[in-house]
């Protein structure tokens, strides 16, 4: 064997050398570098962690019971139709 052929990865079958190294760019995503332990990143984050990325107005833990009452009042007022609207609904949907 000439030294040139050994550089290219061509090896005689009698040689004890292992298979030639495949460059990583040829693998196309088959090889993924493994990440080390990530324990230290998680330290000190409690149960409320999912809440952290939410915008302030959507956070469940921030709502007080009084806030919920006002929310329900708005919902009730939206659900109650005026007499005129009910009459219009009866005309447009007679089956209901």
N, C-alpha and C. Protein backbone atom coordinates (compact mmCIF):
# COMPACT_ATOMS: atom_id res chain seq x y z
N UNK A 1 0.85 -1.20 0.00
CA UNK A 1 0.00 0.00 0.00
C UNK A 1 0.88 1.25 0.00
N UNK A 2 0.47 2.19 -0.78
CA UNK A 2 1.22 3.45 -0.81
C UNK A 2 0.66 4.38 0.25
N UNK A 3 1.44 5.32 0.74
CA UNK A 3 0.94 6.26 1.76
C UNK A 3 -0.24 7.10 1.24
N UNK A 4 -0.28 7.36 -0.09
CA UNK A 4 -1.38 8.18 -0.64
C UNK A 4 -2.72 7.48 -0.46
N UNK A 5 -2.75 6.18 -0.71
CA UNK A 5 -4.00 5.44 -0.60
C UNK A 5 -4.47 5.34 0.85
N UNK A 6 -3.53 5.22 1.77
CA UNK A 6 -3.91 5.16 3.18
C UNK A 6 -4.52 6.47 3.66
N UNK A 7 -4.04 7.58 3.13
CA UNK A 7 -4.62 8.89 3.49
C UNK A 7 -6.08 8.98 3.08
N UNK A 8 -6.42 8.40 1.92
CA UNK A 8 -7.79 8.48 1.41
C UNK A 8 -8.73 7.51 2.10
N UNK A 9 -8.23 6.66 2.96
CA UNK A 9 -9.08 5.72 3.66
C UNK A 9 -9.12 4.35 3.02
N UNK A 10 -8.34 4.11 1.99
CA UNK A 10 -8.30 2.79 1.36
C UNK A 10 -7.28 1.96 2.13
N UNK A 11 -7.73 0.87 2.72
CA UNK A 11 -6.87 0.08 3.59
C UNK A 11 -6.92 -1.37 3.13
N UNK A 12 -5.82 -2.05 3.18
CA UNK A 12 -5.78 -3.47 2.81
C UNK A 12 -6.57 -4.28 3.83
N UNK A 13 -7.16 -5.38 3.39
CA UNK A 13 -8.01 -6.17 4.27
C UNK A 13 -7.21 -6.82 5.39
N UNK A 14 -5.92 -7.04 5.20
CA UNK A 14 -5.12 -7.68 6.23
C UNK A 14 -4.76 -6.69 7.35
N UNK A 15 -4.95 -5.42 7.11
CA UNK A 15 -4.57 -4.41 8.10
C UNK A 15 -5.51 -4.48 9.31
N UNK A 16 -4.99 -4.14 10.48
CA UNK A 16 -5.80 -4.16 11.69
C UNK A 16 -6.48 -2.79 11.91
N UNK A 17 -6.31 -1.89 10.96
CA UNK A 17 -6.88 -0.55 11.09
C UNK A 17 -8.42 -0.60 10.98
N UNK A 18 -9.09 0.25 11.73
CA UNK A 18 -10.56 0.26 11.70
C UNK A 18 -11.05 0.99 10.45
N UNK A 19 -12.35 1.06 10.27
CA UNK A 19 -12.96 1.71 9.10
C UNK A 19 -12.56 3.18 9.07
N UNK A 20 -12.48 3.78 7.89
CA UNK A 20 -12.08 5.18 7.80
C UNK A 20 -13.11 6.11 8.45
N UNK A 21 -12.64 7.20 9.01
CA UNK A 21 -13.52 8.18 9.64
C UNK A 21 -14.38 8.86 8.59
N UNK A 22 -15.68 8.94 8.86
CA UNK A 22 -16.58 9.62 7.94
C UNK A 22 -16.70 11.07 8.42
N UNK A 23 -16.51 12.04 7.53
CA UNK A 23 -16.66 13.43 7.96
C UNK A 23 -18.10 13.71 8.42
N UNK A 24 -18.25 14.58 9.41
CA UNK A 24 -19.56 14.83 10.00
C UNK A 24 -20.54 15.46 9.02
N UNK A 25 -20.03 16.24 8.04
CA UNK A 25 -20.94 16.89 7.11
C UNK A 25 -21.62 15.88 6.18
N UNK A 26 -21.02 14.68 6.03
CA UNK A 26 -21.64 13.65 5.19
C UNK A 26 -22.81 12.95 5.88
N UNK A 27 -22.88 13.06 7.19
CA UNK A 27 -23.89 12.31 7.91
C UNK A 27 -25.28 12.95 7.84
N UNK A 28 -25.35 14.24 7.64
CA UNK A 28 -26.60 14.99 7.45
C UNK A 28 -27.61 14.72 8.56
N UNK A 29 -27.28 15.06 9.77
CA UNK A 29 -28.24 15.00 10.86
C UNK A 29 -28.35 13.65 11.53
N UNK A 30 -27.66 12.63 11.02
CA UNK A 30 -27.74 11.32 11.67
C UNK A 30 -26.99 11.33 12.99
N UNK A 31 -25.95 12.14 13.06
CA UNK A 31 -25.14 12.22 14.28
C UNK A 31 -25.48 13.51 14.99
N UNK A 32 -25.87 13.39 16.25
CA UNK A 32 -26.20 14.58 17.01
C UNK A 32 -25.33 14.60 18.25
N UNK A 33 -24.71 15.72 18.50
CA UNK A 33 -23.85 15.84 19.67
C UNK A 33 -24.71 15.77 20.93
N UNK A 34 -24.29 14.96 21.88
CA UNK A 34 -25.06 14.82 23.10
C UNK A 34 -24.72 15.94 24.06
N UNK A 35 -25.76 16.46 24.71
CA UNK A 35 -25.54 17.53 25.67
C UNK A 35 -25.27 16.94 27.04
N UNK A 36 -24.53 17.66 27.82
CA UNK A 36 -24.17 17.19 29.14
C UNK A 36 -25.33 17.29 30.12
N UNK A 37 -25.11 17.01 31.38
CA UNK A 37 -26.19 17.09 32.38
C UNK A 37 -26.69 18.51 32.52
N UNK A 38 -28.00 18.66 32.63
CA UNK A 38 -28.59 20.00 32.70
C UNK A 38 -29.23 20.24 34.05
N UNK A 39 -28.83 19.46 35.04
CA UNK A 39 -29.46 19.56 36.35
C UNK A 39 -29.34 20.95 36.94
N UNK A 40 -28.14 21.54 36.81
CA UNK A 40 -27.91 22.80 37.48
C UNK A 40 -28.77 23.94 36.90
N UNK A 41 -29.26 23.80 35.67
CA UNK A 41 -30.09 24.86 35.09
C UNK A 41 -31.48 24.87 35.70
N UNK A 42 -31.92 23.69 36.16
CA UNK A 42 -33.28 23.59 36.67
C UNK A 42 -33.40 24.01 38.14
N UNK A 43 -32.29 24.24 38.77
CA UNK A 43 -32.29 24.43 40.21
C UNK A 43 -33.10 25.67 40.60
N UNK A 44 -33.93 25.53 41.62
CA UNK A 44 -34.61 26.67 42.20
C UNK A 44 -35.86 27.11 41.45
N UNK A 45 -36.28 26.39 40.44
CA UNK A 45 -37.51 26.79 39.73
C UNK A 45 -38.65 25.96 40.28
N UNK A 46 -39.67 26.62 40.76
CA UNK A 46 -40.76 25.92 41.44
C UNK A 46 -41.85 25.45 40.50
N UNK A 47 -43.02 25.16 41.10
CA UNK A 47 -44.15 24.65 40.33
C UNK A 47 -44.69 25.68 39.35
N UNK A 48 -44.53 26.95 39.68
CA UNK A 48 -45.13 28.03 38.89
C UNK A 48 -44.35 28.32 37.63
N UNK A 49 -43.44 27.44 37.25
CA UNK A 49 -42.54 27.73 36.14
C UNK A 49 -43.28 27.97 34.83
N UNK A 50 -44.35 27.21 34.58
CA UNK A 50 -45.09 27.38 33.33
C UNK A 50 -45.72 28.75 33.26
N UNK A 51 -46.00 29.33 34.42
CA UNK A 51 -46.68 30.62 34.48
C UNK A 51 -45.75 31.75 34.08
N UNK A 52 -44.46 31.50 34.09
CA UNK A 52 -43.48 32.56 33.93
C UNK A 52 -43.51 33.20 32.55
N UNK A 53 -43.77 32.38 31.52
CA UNK A 53 -43.71 32.91 30.16
C UNK A 53 -45.02 33.58 29.76
N UNK A 54 -46.07 33.45 30.58
CA UNK A 54 -47.35 34.06 30.25
C UNK A 54 -47.28 35.56 30.44
N UNK A 55 -47.98 36.34 29.62
CA UNK A 55 -48.10 37.77 29.90
C UNK A 55 -48.81 38.00 31.23
N UNK A 56 -48.56 39.13 31.81
CA UNK A 56 -49.04 39.41 33.16
C UNK A 56 -50.56 39.27 33.29
N UNK A 57 -51.32 39.75 32.27
CA UNK A 57 -52.78 39.76 32.43
C UNK A 57 -53.39 38.38 32.35
N UNK A 58 -52.63 37.36 31.84
CA UNK A 58 -53.19 36.03 31.73
C UNK A 58 -52.80 35.13 32.89
N UNK A 59 -52.00 35.60 33.80
CA UNK A 59 -51.54 34.73 34.88
C UNK A 59 -52.68 34.39 35.81
N UNK A 60 -52.83 33.10 36.07
CA UNK A 60 -53.94 32.64 36.90
C UNK A 60 -53.73 33.05 38.35
N UNK A 61 -52.50 32.95 38.82
CA UNK A 61 -52.24 33.19 40.24
C UNK A 61 -52.50 34.65 40.63
N UNK A 62 -52.53 35.56 39.63
CA UNK A 62 -52.69 36.98 39.96
C UNK A 62 -54.15 37.37 40.12
N UNK A 63 -55.11 36.52 39.69
CA UNK A 63 -56.52 36.90 39.76
C UNK A 63 -57.03 36.78 41.19
N UNK A 64 -57.70 37.80 41.64
CA UNK A 64 -58.32 37.79 42.97
C UNK A 64 -59.77 37.36 42.81
N UNK A 65 -60.42 36.90 43.88
CA UNK A 65 -61.84 36.54 43.78
C UNK A 65 -62.71 37.72 43.33
N UNK A 66 -62.37 38.94 43.77
CA UNK A 66 -63.17 40.11 43.36
C UNK A 66 -63.05 40.34 41.86
N UNK A 67 -61.88 40.07 41.29
CA UNK A 67 -61.71 40.20 39.85
C UNK A 67 -62.63 39.23 39.12
N UNK A 68 -62.75 38.02 39.67
CA UNK A 68 -63.58 37.01 39.01
C UNK A 68 -65.04 37.46 39.00
N UNK A 69 -65.50 38.11 40.09
CA UNK A 69 -66.89 38.59 40.13
C UNK A 69 -67.14 39.58 39.02
N UNK A 70 -66.21 40.50 38.81
CA UNK A 70 -66.42 41.51 37.76
C UNK A 70 -66.41 40.85 36.38
N UNK A 71 -65.58 39.82 36.22
CA UNK A 71 -65.56 39.10 34.94
C UNK A 71 -66.91 38.44 34.68
N UNK A 72 -67.47 37.81 35.71
CA UNK A 72 -68.76 37.14 35.53
C UNK A 72 -69.87 38.15 35.29
N UNK A 73 -69.79 39.34 35.93
CA UNK A 73 -70.81 40.37 35.70
C UNK A 73 -70.82 40.78 34.23
N UNK A 74 -69.64 40.97 33.66
CA UNK A 74 -69.55 41.36 32.25
C UNK A 74 -70.13 40.26 31.38
N UNK A 75 -69.80 39.02 31.69
CA UNK A 75 -70.30 37.90 30.89
C UNK A 75 -71.82 37.80 30.98
N UNK A 76 -72.38 38.00 32.20
CA UNK A 76 -73.83 37.94 32.37
C UNK A 76 -74.53 39.04 31.57
N UNK A 77 -73.95 40.24 31.60
CA UNK A 77 -74.58 41.35 30.87
C UNK A 77 -74.52 41.11 29.37
N UNK A 78 -73.47 40.43 28.90
CA UNK A 78 -73.39 40.13 27.48
C UNK A 78 -74.41 39.06 27.08
N UNK A 79 -74.69 38.13 28.00
CA UNK A 79 -75.60 37.03 27.67
C UNK A 79 -77.06 37.47 27.68
N UNK A 80 -77.38 38.44 28.51
CA UNK A 80 -78.78 38.87 28.60
C UNK A 80 -79.12 39.72 27.38
N UNK A 81 -80.04 39.23 26.57
CA UNK A 81 -80.45 39.97 25.39
C UNK A 81 -81.60 40.92 25.76
N UNK A 82 -81.60 42.05 25.11
CA UNK A 82 -82.72 42.97 25.34
C UNK A 82 -83.96 42.40 24.66
N UNK A 83 -85.11 42.94 24.99
CA UNK A 83 -86.37 42.44 24.42
C UNK A 83 -86.38 42.60 22.90
N UNK A 84 -85.82 43.71 22.43
CA UNK A 84 -85.80 43.95 20.99
C UNK A 84 -84.95 42.90 20.27
N UNK A 85 -83.79 42.55 20.87
CA UNK A 85 -82.91 41.56 20.26
C UNK A 85 -83.58 40.18 20.27
N UNK A 86 -84.29 39.85 21.36
CA UNK A 86 -84.97 38.56 21.42
C UNK A 86 -86.05 38.47 20.33
N UNK A 87 -86.78 39.57 20.12
CA UNK A 87 -87.82 39.59 19.10
C UNK A 87 -87.20 39.38 17.71
N UNK A 88 -86.07 40.02 17.46
CA UNK A 88 -85.37 39.89 16.19
C UNK A 88 -84.90 38.45 15.98
N UNK A 89 -84.41 37.81 17.07
CA UNK A 89 -83.95 36.44 16.98
C UNK A 89 -85.10 35.52 16.62
N UNK A 90 -86.28 35.75 17.20
CA UNK A 90 -87.44 34.90 16.91
C UNK A 90 -87.85 35.03 15.44
N UNK A 91 -87.72 36.24 14.88
CA UNK A 91 -88.10 36.44 13.49
C UNK A 91 -87.10 35.77 12.54
N UNK A 92 -85.80 35.90 12.85
CA UNK A 92 -84.79 35.36 11.93
C UNK A 92 -84.67 33.84 12.05
N UNK A 93 -84.81 33.29 13.27
CA UNK A 93 -84.73 31.84 13.47
C UNK A 93 -86.04 31.36 14.08
N UNK A 94 -87.09 31.15 13.29
CA UNK A 94 -88.40 30.81 13.87
C UNK A 94 -88.42 29.44 14.54
N UNK A 95 -87.53 28.53 14.15
CA UNK A 95 -87.54 27.19 14.73
C UNK A 95 -87.04 27.16 16.16
N UNK A 96 -86.28 28.16 16.57
CA UNK A 96 -85.67 28.11 17.90
C UNK A 96 -86.50 28.83 18.93
